[in-house]
């Protein structure tokens, strides 16, 4: 989610001194250098050499509100889109109880 990206991932990247570009709705994906940080929705149509999907734990992906089969299918499709953006490597991380989608 955007909140997880903003509140957890972004501060850690900043603290580590890693150059980054936060891809928001109006940010061109080619502007600047560094690691691209984006939501799964934002990366649709883009490609990257390496993709990291962080926070794949139960209650986060799929989100707790996704209870119907239609909700779960939509979240599976979203994960597929994000994972298929990788040209070379895909790394999926999480902690605690892992997502049922992994």
Foldseek 3Di string as FASTA:
>chain_A
DVCCCVPPVVVVCVVVVWDEDEDDPPDDPPPDDTHYGYDLVRCQPAADQEEEAEAQAPCVQVNPVQDDPVSNVVSLVSVVRRQVRHPHYYHYYHDDHGHPSD
